[in-house]
Amino acid sequence: MTARTVTTTASATRAAAPDSATVAVTALGEGGSAARARERARNRAATIRTAIEATAEVTIETVDHRVTNSAATFEPETDAAFRAVKEFHVRCEPEAVAAVVVESTDGGGGIDHVQFALTDATRAELQEKAMTAAVNRAHQKADRLAAAEGLAVGPAQTITAQPARPGSEPVDDAWESDPTVHSAPITVTERVEVAYELVAAGAAGRSADDSGKD
């Protein structure tokens, strides 16, 4: 006889304050030639980087370096013949973001965006906690369904992780004008589907008691 089962789904969410941040900084340079524009952008970027590194512990990575010819642009943003843009990402702790923004803008740079995130270790910890809570919730739902049939929940037969929307990592453009803005908590959600064997009422408890005997 095939054992009766009950399948339930449940989800759980856990949240934590961001413990890492990325500030996208741009340095502009303009000139009558592409070489002159690149040089000015490079010099400005170097000045900004030096100021940031003197203020906070950061990791800086250049992600883009481009030059545009105003004559070839439909609506040029400058009267200069050429404009160079050097963009780099500054990774730091959230507490250092305000200082990075201030040093960048004081040095003549621009802030494209600020993105807050969780480190891999923190995200893994939240995922584990959310998964445990989701499984516990699935068991509670199964208990209620089983009780309605005069039965009890036995061992789990299968546990399957289901797709769940990941925690958001907000981008806060307000940093460009107001570096006192604080980042929001980031959430991690886990969803599971669990199939349990249904047993006679009291059988689950007896099995647990028997398992501890010699």
C-alpha atoms as a PDB file:
ATOM      1  CA  MET A   1       0.000   0.000   0.000  1.00  0.00           C
ATOM      2  CA  THR A   2       1.388   3.361  -0.993  1.00  0.00           C
ATOM      3  CA  ALA A   3       2.023   5.622   1.967  1.00  0.00           C
ATOM      4  CA  ARG A   4      -0.108   8.723   2.179  1.00  0.00           C
ATOM      5  CA  THR A   5       1.737  12.017   1.994  1.00  0.00           C
ATOM      6  CA  VAL A   6       1.066  15.712   2.356  1.00  0.00           C
ATOM      7  CA  THR A   7       3.001  18.401   0.511  1.00  0.00           C
ATOM      8  CA  THR A   8       3.286  21.971   1.745  1.00  0.00           C
ATOM      9  CA  THR A   9       5.129  25.076   0.617  1.00  0.00           C
ATOM     10  CA  ALA A  10       6.374  27.893   2.796  1.00  0.00           C
ATOM     11  CA  SER A  11       8.716  30.843   2.626  1.00  0.00           C
ATOM     12  CA  ALA A  12      10.641  32.926   5.115  1.00  0.00           C
ATOM     13  CA  THR A  13      12.524  36.187   4.903  1.00  0.00           C
ATOM     14  CA  ARG A  14      15.448  37.453   6.907  1.00  0.00           C
ATOM     15  CA  ALA A  15      16.965  40.944   6.703  1.00  0.00           C
ATOM     16  CA  ALA A  16      20.235  42.623   7.591  1.00  0.00           C
ATOM     17  CA  ALA A  17      21.806  46.007   7.153  1.00  0.00           C
ATOM     18  CA  PRO A  18      24.129  46.197   4.132  1.00  0.00           C
ATOM     19  CA  ASP A  19      27.751  45.516   4.987  1.00  0.00           C
ATOM     20  CA  SER A  20      29.300  46.611   1.697  1.00  0.00           C
ATOM     21  CA  ALA A  21      28.776  49.463  -0.751  1.00  0.00           C
ATOM     22  CA  THR A  22      29.896  50.487  -4.226  1.00  0.00           C
ATOM     23  CA  VAL A  23      30.139  54.125  -5.257  1.00  0.00           C
ATOM     24  CA  ALA A  24      30.316  54.759  -9.010  1.00  0.00           C
ATOM     25  CA  VAL A  25      32.473  57.851  -9.541  1.00  0.00           C
ATOM     26  CA  THR A  26      33.030  59.682 -12.834  1.00  0.00           C
ATOM     27  CA  ALA A  27      35.858  62.062 -13.705  1.00  0.00           C
ATOM     28  CA  LEU A  28      35.443  64.324 -16.734  1.00  0.00           C
ATOM     29  CA  GLY A  29      38.051  65.994 -18.886  1.00  0.00           C
ATOM     30  CA  GLU A  30      37.518  68.339 -21.827  1.00  0.00           C
ATOM     31  CA  GLY A  31      39.895  69.696 -24.443  1.00  0.00           C
ATOM     32  CA  GLY A  32      40.544  70.671 -27.998  1.00  0.00           C
ATOM     33  CA  SER A  33      41.957  67.221 -28.742  1.00  0.00           C
ATOM     34  CA  ALA A  34      41.143  63.704 -27.643  1.00  0.00           C
ATOM     35  CA  ALA A  35      44.571  63.379 -26.041  1.00  0.00           C
ATOM     36  CA  ARG A  36      44.097  66.556 -24.021  1.00  0.00           C
ATOM     37  CA  ALA A  37      40.632  65.487 -22.838  1.00  0.00           C
ATOM     38  CA  ARG A  38      41.940  62.054 -21.797  1.00  0.00           C
ATOM     39  CA  GLU A  39      44.828  63.623 -19.897  1.00  0.00           C
ATOM     40  CA  ARG A  40      42.524  65.940 -17.975  1.00  0.00           C
ATOM     41  CA  ALA A  41      40.130  63.120 -17.114  1.00  0.00           C
ATOM     42  CA  ARG A  42      43.049  60.942 -15.998  1.00  0.00           C
ATOM     43  CA  ASN A  43      44.503  63.707 -13.822  1.00  0.00           C
ATOM     44  CA  ARG A  44      41.171  64.454 -12.211  1.00  0.00           C
ATOM     45  CA  ALA A  45      40.567  60.778 -11.526  1.00  0.00           C
ATOM     46  CA  ALA A  46      44.009  60.471  -9.933  1.00  0.00           C
ATOM     47  CA  THR A  47      43.302  63.453  -7.667  1.00  0.00           C
ATOM     48  CA  ILE A  48      39.975  61.982  -6.582  1.00  0.00           C
ATOM     49  CA  ARG A  49      41.441  58.540  -5.942  1.00  0.00           C
ATOM     50  CA  THR A  50      44.240  59.975  -3.812  1.00  0.00           C
ATOM     51  CA  ALA A  51      41.746  61.930  -1.703  1.00  0.00           C
ATOM     52  CA  ILE A  52      39.465  58.924  -1.225  1.00  0.00           C
ATOM     53  CA  GLU A  53      42.287  56.554  -0.283  1.00  0.00           C
ATOM     54  CA  ALA A  54      43.497  59.028   2.342  1.00  0.00           C
ATOM     55  CA  THR A  55      40.054  59.110   3.945  1.00  0.00           C
ATOM     56  CA  ALA A  56      38.772  55.512   3.986  1.00  0.00           C
ATOM     57  CA  GLU A  57      39.806  51.907   3.406  1.00  0.00           C
ATOM     58  CA  VAL A  58      38.583  51.197  -0.117  1.00  0.00           C
ATOM     59  CA  THR A  59      39.097  49.094  -3.218  1.00  0.00           C
ATOM     60  CA  ILE A  60      39.030  51.046  -6.478  1.00  0.00           C
ATOM     61  CA  GLU A  61      38.509  49.561  -9.940  1.00  0.00           C
ATOM     62  CA  THR A  62      38.359  51.440 -13.240  1.00  0.00           C
ATOM     63  CA  VAL A  63      35.344  50.200 -15.214  1.00  0.00           C
ATOM     64  CA  ASP A  64      35.095  52.586 -18.180  1.00  0.00           C
ATOM     65  CA  HIS A  65      37.191  55.120 -20.070  1.00  0.00           C
ATOM     66  CA  ARG A  66      35.733  56.753 -23.162  1.00  0.00           C
ATOM     67  CA  VAL A  67      36.184  59.848 -25.343  1.00  0.00           C
ATOM     68  CA  THR A  68      33.455  61.537 -27.385  1.00  0.00           C
ATOM     69  CA  ASN A  69      33.814  63.969 -30.260  1.00  0.00           C
ATOM     70  CA  SER A  70      31.339  66.828 -29.884  1.00  0.00           C
ATOM     71  CA  ALA A  71      31.192  67.287 -33.655  1.00  0.00           C
ATOM     72  CA  ALA A  72      29.845  63.768 -34.016  1.00  0.00           C
ATOM     73  CA  THR A  73      27.265  64.149 -31.244  1.00  0.00           C
ATOM     74  CA  PHE A  74      23.704  65.199 -32.053  1.00  0.00           C
ATOM     75  CA  GLU A  75      23.275  67.208 -28.839  1.00  0.00           C
ATOM     76  CA  PRO A  76      26.758  67.777 -27.375  1.00  0.00           C
ATOM     77  CA  GLU A  77      26.909  68.366 -23.614  1.00  0.00           C
ATOM     78  CA  THR A  78      29.899  70.673 -23.905  1.00  0.00           C
ATOM     79  CA  ASP A  79      31.353  73.366 -26.127  1.00  0.00           C
ATOM     80  CA  ALA A  80      34.737  71.629 -26.042  1.00  0.00           C
ATOM     81  CA  ALA A  81      35.760  69.632 -29.081  1.00  0.00           C
ATOM     82  CA  PHE A  82      36.317  66.465 -27.062  1.00  0.00           C
ATOM     83  CA  ARG A  83      35.114  65.097 -23.728  1.00  0.00           C
ATOM     84  CA  ALA A  84      36.701  62.173 -21.891  1.00  0.00           C
ATOM     85  CA  VAL A  85      34.986  60.244 -19.111  1.00  0.00           C
ATOM     86  CA  LYS A  86      36.739  57.932 -16.711  1.00  0.00           C
ATOM     87  CA  GLU A  87      34.482  55.889 -14.431  1.00  0.00           C
ATOM     88  CA  PHE A  88      35.648  53.857 -11.484  1.00  0.00           C
ATOM     89  CA  HIS A  89      33.918  51.911  -8.731  1.00  0.00           C
ATOM     90  CA  VAL A  90      34.867  52.501  -5.122  1.00  0.00           C
ATOM     91  CA  ARG A  91      34.027  49.573  -2.852  1.00  0.00           C
ATOM     92  CA  CYS A  92      33.887  50.323   0.845  1.00  0.00           C
ATOM     93  CA  GLU A  93      31.918  49.782   4.036  1.00  0.00           C
ATOM     94  CA  PRO A  94      28.552  51.593   4.148  1.00  0.00           C
ATOM     95  CA  GLU A  95      29.814  53.878   6.912  1.00  0.00           C
ATOM     96  CA  ALA A  96      32.479  55.226   4.552  1.00  0.00           C
ATOM     97  CA  VAL A  97      30.113  56.108   1.695  1.00  0.00           C
ATOM     98  CA  ALA A  98      29.499  59.681   2.857  1.00  0.00           C
ATOM     99  CA  ALA A  99      33.230  60.393   3.003  1.00  0.00           C
ATOM    100  CA  VAL A 100      33.779  58.848  -0.442  1.00  0.00           C
ATOM    101  CA  VAL A 101      30.971  60.954  -1.930  1.00  0.00           C
ATOM    102  CA  VAL A 102      32.265  64.167  -0.350  1.00  0.00           C
ATOM    103  CA  GLU A 103      35.851  63.589  -1.454  1.00  0.00           C
ATOM    104  CA  SER A 104      34.730  62.672  -4.970  1.00  0.00           C
ATOM    105  CA  THR A 105      32.537  65.713  -5.483  1.00  0.00           C
ATOM    106  CA  ASP A 106      34.992  68.077  -3.784  1.00  0.00           C
ATOM    107  CA  GLY A 107      37.620  66.801  -6.212  1.00  0.00           C
ATOM    108  CA  GLY A 108      35.460  67.710  -9.189  1.00  0.00           C
ATOM    109  CA  GLY A 109      34.043  64.276  -9.850  1.00  0.00           C
ATOM    110  CA  GLY A 110      30.447  63.122 -10.204  1.00  0.00           C
ATOM    111  CA  ILE A 111      28.502  60.325  -8.533  1.00  0.00           C
ATOM    112  CA  ASP A 112      26.683  58.065 -10.950  1.00  0.00           C
ATOM    113  CA  HIS A 113      25.095  55.885  -8.269  1.00  0.00           C
ATOM    114  CA  VAL A 114      25.615  54.232  -4.898  1.00  0.00           C
ATOM    115  CA  GLN A 115      24.741  50.572  -4.505  1.00  0.00           C
ATOM    116  CA  PHE A 116      24.492  48.781  -1.172  1.00  0.00           C
ATOM    117  CA  ALA A 117      24.900  45.026  -0.860  1.00  0.00           C
ATOM    118  CA  LEU A 118      25.632  42.104   1.429  1.00  0.00           C
ATOM    119  CA  THR A 119      28.954  40.315   1.491  1.00  0.00           C
ATOM    120  CA  ASP A 120      28.856  36.669   0.427  1.00  0.00           C
ATOM    121  CA  ALA A 121      29.305  35.515   4.019  1.00  0.00           C
ATOM    122  CA  THR A 122      26.429  37.623   5.333  1.00  0.00           C
ATOM    123  CA  ARG A 123      24.121  36.596   2.496  1.00  0.00           C
ATOM    124  CA  ALA A 124      24.902  32.904   3.066  1.00  0.00           C
ATOM    125  CA  GLU A 125      24.124  33.292   6.774  1.00  0.00           C
ATOM    126  CA  LEU A 126      20.774  34.940   6.020  1.00  0.00           C
ATOM    127  CA  GLN A 127      19.933  32.260   3.465  1.00  0.00           C
ATOM    128  CA  GLU A 128      20.584  29.507   6.006  1.00  0.00           C
ATOM    129  CA  LYS A 129      18.388  31.194   8.611  1.00  0.00           C
ATOM    130  CA  ALA A 130      15.606  31.823   6.105  1.00  0.00           C
ATOM    131  CA  MET A 131      15.749  28.233   4.836  1.00  0.00           C
ATOM    132  CA  THR A 132      15.502  26.817   8.353  1.00  0.00           C
ATOM    133  CA  ALA A 133      12.542  29.057   9.140  1.00  0.00           C
ATOM    134  CA  ALA A 134      10.824  28.118   5.861  1.00  0.00           C
ATOM    135  CA  VAL A 135      11.169  24.379   6.567  1.00  0.00           C
ATOM    136  CA  ASN A 136       9.805  24.860  10.083  1.00  0.00           C
ATOM    137  CA  ARG A 137       6.837  26.777   8.696  1.00  0.00           C
ATOM    138  CA  ALA A 138       6.181  24.055   6.123  1.00  0.00           C
ATOM    139  CA  HIS A 139       6.148  21.472   8.930  1.00  0.00           C
ATOM    140  CA  GLN A 140       3.649  23.541  10.913  1.00  0.00           C
ATOM    141  CA  LYS A 141       1.330  23.764   7.909  1.00  0.00           C
ATOM    142  CA  ALA A 142       1.618  20.012   7.380  1.00  0.00           C
ATOM    143  CA  ASP A 143       0.773  19.420  11.051  1.00  0.00           C
ATOM    144  CA  ARG A 144      -2.463  21.375  10.682  1.00  0.00           C
ATOM    145  CA  LEU A 145      -3.462  19.558   7.498  1.00  0.00           C
ATOM    146  CA  ALA A 146      -2.701  16.164   9.008  1.00  0.00           C
ATOM    147  CA  ALA A 147      -4.625  16.925  12.177  1.00  0.00           C
ATOM    148  CA  ALA A 148      -7.691  17.779  10.104  1.00  0.00           C
ATOM    149  CA  GLU A 149      -7.616  14.175   8.839  1.00  0.00           C
ATOM    150  CA  GLY A 150      -6.932  12.686  12.262  1.00  0.00           C
ATOM    151  CA  LEU A 151      -3.383  11.852  11.267  1.00  0.00           C
ATOM    152  CA  ALA A 152       0.120  13.013  12.162  1.00  0.00           C
ATOM    153  CA  VAL A 153       3.164  14.108  10.189  1.00  0.00           C
ATOM    154  CA  GLY A 154       5.914  11.563   9.769  1.00  0.00           C
ATOM    155  CA  PRO A 155       9.385  11.952   8.262  1.00  0.00           C
ATOM    156  CA  ALA A 156      10.004  14.340   5.398  1.00  0.00           C
ATOM    157  CA  GLN A 157      10.216  12.480   2.094  1.00  0.00           C
ATOM    158  CA  THR A 158      11.546  15.304  -0.080  1.00  0.00           C
ATOM    159  CA  ILE A 159      12.595  18.909   0.463  1.00  0.00           C
ATOM    160  CA  THR A 160      12.881  21.108  -2.612  1.00  0.00           C
ATOM    161  CA  ALA A 161      14.033  24.715  -2.748  1.00  0.00           C
ATOM    162  CA  GLN A 162      11.710  26.847  -4.872  1.00  0.00           C
ATOM    163  CA  PRO A 163      12.543  30.037  -6.776  1.00  0.00           C
ATOM    164  CA  ALA A 164      12.165  33.088  -4.583  1.00  0.00           C
ATOM    165  CA  ARG A 165      12.690  36.726  -5.325  1.00  0.00           C
ATOM    166  CA  PRO A 166      16.169  37.704  -4.077  1.00  0.00           C
ATOM    167  CA  GLY A 167      16.708  40.535  -1.647  1.00  0.00           C
ATOM    168  CA  SER A 168      16.742  43.967  -3.208  1.00  0.00           C
ATOM    169  CA  GLU A 169      19.883  46.025  -3.321  1.00  0.00           C
ATOM    170  CA  PRO A 170      18.673  49.587  -3.637  1.00  0.00           C
ATOM    171  CA  VAL A 171      20.456  52.201  -5.674  1.00  0.00           C
ATOM    172  CA  ASP A 172      20.183  55.584  -3.967  1.00  0.00           C
ATOM    173  CA  ASP A 173      20.718  58.499  -6.342  1.00  0.00           C
ATOM    174  CA  ALA A 174      20.000  60.919  -3.483  1.00  0.00           C
ATOM    175  CA  TRP A 175      23.620  60.552  -2.368  1.00  0.00           C
ATOM    176  CA  GLU A 176      24.656  63.037  -5.044  1.00  0.00           C
ATOM    177  CA  SER A 177      22.800  65.805  -3.207  1.00  0.00           C
ATOM    178  CA  ASP A 178      22.432  64.452   0.311  1.00  0.00           C
ATOM    179  CA  PRO A 179      25.192  62.184   1.684  1.00  0.00           C
ATOM    180  CA  THR A 180      23.326  61.832   5.006  1.00  0.00           C
ATOM    181  CA  VAL A 181      20.820  59.374   3.504  1.00  0.00           C
ATOM    182  CA  HIS A 182      20.994  55.935   5.139  1.00  0.00           C
ATOM    183  CA  SER A 183      20.761  52.619   3.317  1.00  0.00           C
ATOM    184  CA  ALA A 184      17.762  50.331   3.820  1.00  0.00           C
ATOM    185  CA  PRO A 185      18.029  46.752   5.115  1.00  0.00           C
ATOM    186  CA  ILE A 186      18.446  44.058   2.474  1.00  0.00           C
ATOM    187  CA  THR A 187      16.189  41.024   2.592  1.00  0.00           C
ATOM    188  CA  VAL A 188      16.821  37.420   1.609  1.00  0.00           C
ATOM    189  CA  THR A 189      13.858  35.099   0.995  1.00  0.00           C
ATOM    190  CA  GLU A 190      13.905  31.316   0.775  1.00  0.00           C
ATOM    191  CA  ARG A 191      10.953  29.187  -0.333  1.00  0.00           C
ATOM    192  CA  VAL A 192      10.653  25.420   0.032  1.00  0.00           C
ATOM    193  CA  GLU A 193       8.298  22.601  -0.910  1.00  0.00           C
ATOM    194  CA  VAL A 194       8.302  19.669   1.504  1.00  0.00           C
ATOM    195  CA  ALA A 195       6.532  16.310   1.163  1.00  0.00           C
ATOM    196  CA  TYR A 196       5.843  14.505   4.442  1.00  0.00           C
ATOM    197  CA  GLU A 197       4.626  10.976   5.094  1.00  0.00           C
ATOM    198  CA  LEU A 198       1.312  10.829   6.946  1.00  0.00           C
ATOM    199  CA  VAL A 199       1.130   8.392   9.852  1.00  0.00           C
ATOM    200  CA  ALA A 200      -1.421   7.437  12.460  1.00  0.00           C
ATOM    201  CA  ALA A 201      -1.867   9.965  15.226  1.00  0.00           C
ATOM    202  CA  GLY A 202       0.711   9.287  17.929  1.00  0.00           C
ATOM    203  CA  ALA A 203       2.933   7.193  15.678  1.00  0.00           C
ATOM    204  CA  ALA A 204       5.301  10.061  15.032  1.00  0.00           C
ATOM    205  CA  GLY A 205       5.821  10.574  18.739  1.00  0.00           C
ATOM    206  CA  ARG A 206       6.382   6.869  19.378  1.00  0.00           C
ATOM    207  CA  SER A 207       8.985   6.702  16.595  1.00  0.00           C
ATOM    208  CA  ALA A 208      10.874   9.586  18.159  1.00  0.00           C
ATOM    209  CA  ASP A 209      10.756   7.922  21.592  1.00  0.00           C
ATOM    210  CA  ASP A 210      11.936   4.576  20.188  1.00  0.00           C
ATOM    211  CA  SER A 211      14.884   6.165  18.401  1.00  0.00           C
ATOM    212  CA  GLY A 212      16.466   7.048  21.718  1.00  0.00           C
ATOM    213  CA  LYS A 213      16.386   3.501  23.112  1.00  0.00           C
ATOM    214  CA  ASP A 214      19.388   1.156  23.167  1.00  0.00           C
END
